[in-house]
Amino acid sequence: MNRLQKVITSQYRFHLRHPDDYMMIVMDDTNIQEWYALVVGLDEPFLHGQYLFKLTIPKDFPMKPPKPNEVIPPVWLFMSR
């Protein structure tokens, strides 16, 4: 396992051990440099939105941050009263 793989695996394990109330992260099974993040439960103006992002981790991570790409458009849920 090279240094980049060790760093990425360590970061992913950290996220598994310390889950976030507003974000769920899943690593791609075939490419550890691609993660998917589902972000939910945000405040206004994003209230009730669900956002799915694909995060591409660069070869010079952690010196450069992952690049987010929105996978699906925002899903807005409105509840009638």
N, C-alpha and C. Protein backbone atom coordinates (compact mmCIF):
# COMPACT_ATOMS: atom_id res chain seq x y z
N MET A 1 0.86 -1.18 0.00
CA MET A 1 0.00 0.00 0.00
C MET A 1 0.90 1.24 0.00
N ASN A 2 0.68 2.15 -0.95
CA ASN A 2 1.50 3.36 -1.00
C ASN A 2 1.01 4.41 0.00
N ARG A 3 1.74 5.51 0.11
CA ARG A 3 1.42 6.55 1.09
C ARG A 3 0.04 7.13 0.88
N LEU A 4 -0.33 7.43 -0.37
CA LEU A 4 -1.64 8.00 -0.66
C LEU A 4 -2.75 7.04 -0.22
N GLN A 5 -2.60 5.79 -0.52
CA GLN A 5 -3.61 4.80 -0.12
C GLN A 5 -3.74 4.74 1.40
N LYS A 6 -2.62 4.82 2.11
CA LYS A 6 -2.65 4.80 3.58
C LYS A 6 -3.37 6.03 4.13
N VAL A 7 -3.08 7.19 3.55
CA VAL A 7 -3.73 8.43 4.02
C VAL A 7 -5.23 8.38 3.76
N ILE A 8 -5.62 7.97 2.56
CA ILE A 8 -7.04 7.91 2.21
C ILE A 8 -7.77 6.89 3.09
N THR A 9 -7.18 5.73 3.28
CA THR A 9 -7.79 4.69 4.12
C THR A 9 -7.93 5.17 5.56
N SER A 10 -6.92 5.87 6.05
CA SER A 10 -6.98 6.41 7.41
C SER A 10 -8.11 7.43 7.55
N GLN A 11 -8.25 8.32 6.57
CA GLN A 11 -9.32 9.32 6.60
C GLN A 11 -10.69 8.66 6.56
N TYR A 12 -10.82 7.64 5.72
CA TYR A 12 -12.11 6.96 5.60
C TYR A 12 -12.47 6.24 6.90
N ARG A 13 -11.50 5.59 7.51
CA ARG A 13 -11.75 4.91 8.79
C ARG A 13 -12.16 5.91 9.87
N PHE A 14 -11.54 7.10 9.85
CA PHE A 14 -11.92 8.14 10.79
C PHE A 14 -13.39 8.51 10.63
N HIS A 15 -13.83 8.69 9.39
CA HIS A 15 -15.24 9.03 9.13
C HIS A 15 -16.18 7.91 9.55
N LEU A 16 -15.76 6.68 9.41
CA LEU A 16 -16.59 5.56 9.85
C LEU A 16 -16.71 5.51 11.37
N ARG A 17 -15.63 5.83 12.07
CA ARG A 17 -15.63 5.81 13.53
C ARG A 17 -16.32 7.03 14.13
N HIS A 18 -16.35 8.13 13.40
CA HIS A 18 -16.93 9.38 13.88
C HIS A 18 -17.97 9.88 12.88
N PRO A 19 -19.12 9.22 12.82
CA PRO A 19 -20.14 9.63 11.83
C PRO A 19 -20.66 11.04 12.11
N ASP A 20 -21.06 11.70 11.06
CA ASP A 20 -21.59 13.05 11.11
C ASP A 20 -23.11 12.98 11.00
N ASP A 21 -23.82 13.82 11.76
CA ASP A 21 -25.28 13.84 11.71
C ASP A 21 -25.83 14.33 10.38
N TYR A 22 -25.04 15.07 9.63
CA TYR A 22 -25.53 15.70 8.41
C TYR A 22 -24.90 15.15 7.13
N MET A 23 -23.98 14.20 7.27
CA MET A 23 -23.29 13.71 6.08
C MET A 23 -22.94 12.23 6.24
N MET A 24 -23.21 11.47 5.19
CA MET A 24 -22.82 10.07 5.14
C MET A 24 -21.83 9.91 3.99
N ILE A 25 -20.71 9.24 4.25
CA ILE A 25 -19.67 9.09 3.24
C ILE A 25 -19.47 7.61 2.93
N VAL A 26 -19.35 7.30 1.63
CA VAL A 26 -19.10 5.93 1.17
C VAL A 26 -17.97 5.98 0.15
N MET A 27 -17.01 5.07 0.32
CA MET A 27 -15.90 4.99 -0.63
C MET A 27 -16.29 4.07 -1.78
N ASP A 28 -15.90 4.44 -3.00
CA ASP A 28 -16.15 3.61 -4.17
C ASP A 28 -15.41 2.28 -4.00
N ASP A 29 -16.06 1.17 -4.29
CA ASP A 29 -15.46 -0.16 -4.14
C ASP A 29 -14.30 -0.41 -5.10
N THR A 30 -14.29 0.25 -6.23
CA THR A 30 -13.28 -0.02 -7.25
C THR A 30 -12.19 1.04 -7.33
N ASN A 31 -12.39 2.20 -6.66
CA ASN A 31 -11.41 3.28 -6.73
C ASN A 31 -11.44 4.05 -5.41
N ILE A 32 -10.42 3.87 -4.57
CA ILE A 32 -10.45 4.52 -3.25
C ILE A 32 -10.29 6.03 -3.34
N GLN A 33 -9.97 6.56 -4.51
CA GLN A 33 -9.86 8.00 -4.67
C GLN A 33 -11.20 8.64 -5.04
N GLU A 34 -12.27 7.86 -5.06
CA GLU A 34 -13.60 8.40 -5.31
C GLU A 34 -14.51 8.04 -4.14
N TRP A 35 -15.07 9.07 -3.53
CA TRP A 35 -16.01 8.91 -2.41
C TRP A 35 -17.33 9.55 -2.82
N TYR A 36 -18.38 9.10 -2.17
CA TYR A 36 -19.70 9.71 -2.35
C TYR A 36 -20.16 10.23 -1.00
N ALA A 37 -20.70 11.44 -1.00
CA ALA A 37 -21.17 12.06 0.23
C ALA A 37 -22.62 12.49 0.06
N LEU A 38 -23.47 12.04 0.97
CA LEU A 38 -24.87 12.46 1.01
C LEU A 38 -25.00 13.45 2.15
N VAL A 39 -25.39 14.68 1.83
CA VAL A 39 -25.52 15.75 2.82
C VAL A 39 -27.01 16.04 2.99
N VAL A 40 -27.47 16.01 4.25
CA VAL A 40 -28.90 16.23 4.56
C VAL A 40 -29.02 17.06 5.84
N GLY A 41 -30.24 17.50 6.12
CA GLY A 41 -30.55 18.15 7.39
C GLY A 41 -29.93 19.51 7.61
N LEU A 42 -29.71 20.25 6.54
CA LEU A 42 -29.10 21.56 6.67
C LEU A 42 -30.14 22.63 7.00
N ASP A 43 -29.67 23.79 7.41
CA ASP A 43 -30.55 24.92 7.71
C ASP A 43 -30.91 25.67 6.44
N GLU A 44 -31.75 26.69 6.60
CA GLU A 44 -32.14 27.54 5.48
C GLU A 44 -30.89 28.11 4.81
N PRO A 45 -30.84 28.29 3.54
CA PRO A 45 -31.89 28.08 2.55
C PRO A 45 -31.90 26.66 2.00
N PHE A 46 -31.18 25.74 2.62
CA PHE A 46 -31.06 24.38 2.13
C PHE A 46 -31.93 23.40 2.92
N LEU A 47 -32.83 23.92 3.73
CA LEU A 47 -33.68 23.09 4.59
C LEU A 47 -34.43 22.04 3.78
N HIS A 48 -34.41 20.82 4.24
CA HIS A 48 -35.07 19.65 3.63
C HIS A 48 -34.40 19.18 2.33
N GLY A 49 -33.30 19.80 1.96
CA GLY A 49 -32.61 19.36 0.75
C GLY A 49 -31.74 18.14 1.03
N GLN A 50 -31.56 17.34 0.01
CA GLN A 50 -30.66 16.19 0.07
C GLN A 50 -29.71 16.34 -1.11
N TYR A 51 -28.41 16.32 -0.83
CA TYR A 51 -27.42 16.60 -1.86
C TYR A 51 -26.42 15.44 -1.92
N LEU A 52 -26.25 14.89 -3.09
CA LEU A 52 -25.32 13.79 -3.29
C LEU A 52 -24.14 14.31 -4.11
N PHE A 53 -22.94 14.14 -3.58
CA PHE A 53 -21.72 14.59 -4.23
C PHE A 53 -20.77 13.43 -4.45
N LYS A 54 -20.02 13.52 -5.52
CA LYS A 54 -18.91 12.61 -5.76
C LYS A 54 -17.65 13.41 -5.45
N LEU A 55 -16.83 12.90 -4.54
CA LEU A 55 -15.58 13.56 -4.18
C LEU A 55 -14.43 12.82 -4.83
N THR A 56 -13.65 13.53 -5.63
CA THR A 56 -12.49 12.94 -6.27
C THR A 56 -11.25 13.41 -5.50
N ILE A 57 -10.50 12.46 -4.96
CA ILE A 57 -9.34 12.78 -4.14
C ILE A 57 -8.11 12.83 -5.05
N PRO A 58 -7.41 13.98 -5.06
CA PRO A 58 -6.25 14.13 -5.95
C PRO A 58 -5.04 13.32 -5.47
N LYS A 59 -4.11 13.11 -6.37
CA LYS A 59 -2.90 12.33 -6.04
C LYS A 59 -2.04 13.03 -4.99
N ASP A 60 -2.14 14.37 -4.87
CA ASP A 60 -1.35 15.08 -3.88
C ASP A 60 -2.14 15.42 -2.62
N PHE A 61 -3.17 14.64 -2.33
CA PHE A 61 -3.92 14.74 -1.08
C PHE A 61 -3.00 14.32 0.06
N PRO A 62 -2.95 14.97 1.18
CA PRO A 62 -3.84 16.00 1.71
C PRO A 62 -3.39 17.43 1.43
N MET A 63 -2.36 17.62 0.61
CA MET A 63 -1.90 18.98 0.31
C MET A 63 -2.94 19.74 -0.53
N LYS A 64 -3.72 19.02 -1.31
CA LYS A 64 -4.84 19.61 -2.05
C LYS A 64 -6.11 18.89 -1.63
N PRO A 65 -7.22 19.63 -1.50
CA PRO A 65 -8.47 19.02 -1.04
C PRO A 65 -9.16 18.21 -2.14
N PRO A 66 -10.09 17.33 -1.73
CA PRO A 66 -10.89 16.61 -2.72
C PRO A 66 -11.73 17.58 -3.53
N LYS A 67 -12.00 17.20 -4.77
CA LYS A 67 -12.83 18.03 -5.66
C LYS A 67 -14.26 17.48 -5.62
N PRO A 68 -15.23 18.30 -5.18
CA PRO A 68 -16.62 17.84 -5.16
C PRO A 68 -17.30 18.05 -6.51
N ASN A 69 -18.08 17.08 -6.90
CA ASN A 69 -18.92 17.18 -8.11
C ASN A 69 -20.32 16.73 -7.70
N GLU A 70 -21.32 17.57 -7.97
CA GLU A 70 -22.68 17.20 -7.63
C GLU A 70 -23.13 16.09 -8.56
N VAL A 71 -23.65 15.00 -7.98
CA VAL A 71 -24.08 13.85 -8.76
C VAL A 71 -25.53 14.00 -9.19
N ILE A 72 -26.38 14.40 -8.27
CA ILE A 72 -27.79 14.60 -8.60
C ILE A 72 -28.18 16.02 -8.21
N PRO A 73 -29.16 16.59 -8.87
CA PRO A 73 -29.61 17.92 -8.48
C PRO A 73 -30.25 17.88 -7.09
N PRO A 74 -30.33 19.02 -6.42
CA PRO A 74 -30.95 19.05 -5.10
C PRO A 74 -32.38 18.49 -5.14
N VAL A 75 -32.70 17.75 -4.12
CA VAL A 75 -34.05 17.20 -3.98
C VAL A 75 -34.73 18.00 -2.87
N TRP A 76 -35.75 18.73 -3.25
CA TRP A 76 -36.45 19.56 -2.27
C TRP A 76 -37.73 18.84 -1.84
N LEU A 77 -37.89 18.72 -0.55
CA LEU A 77 -39.10 18.10 0.00
C LEU A 77 -39.91 19.16 0.70
N PHE A 78 -41.12 19.34 0.31
CA PHE A 78 -42.00 20.31 0.96
C PHE A 78 -43.16 19.56 1.56
N MET A 79 -43.42 19.88 2.80
CA MET A 79 -44.53 19.23 3.51
C MET A 79 -45.69 20.21 3.61
N SER A 80 -46.86 19.76 3.27
CA SER A 80 -48.03 20.63 3.40
C SER A 80 -48.57 20.51 4.82
N ARG A 81 -49.17 21.57 5.29
CA ARG A 81 -49.71 21.56 6.65
C ARG A 81 -51.20 21.45 6.61
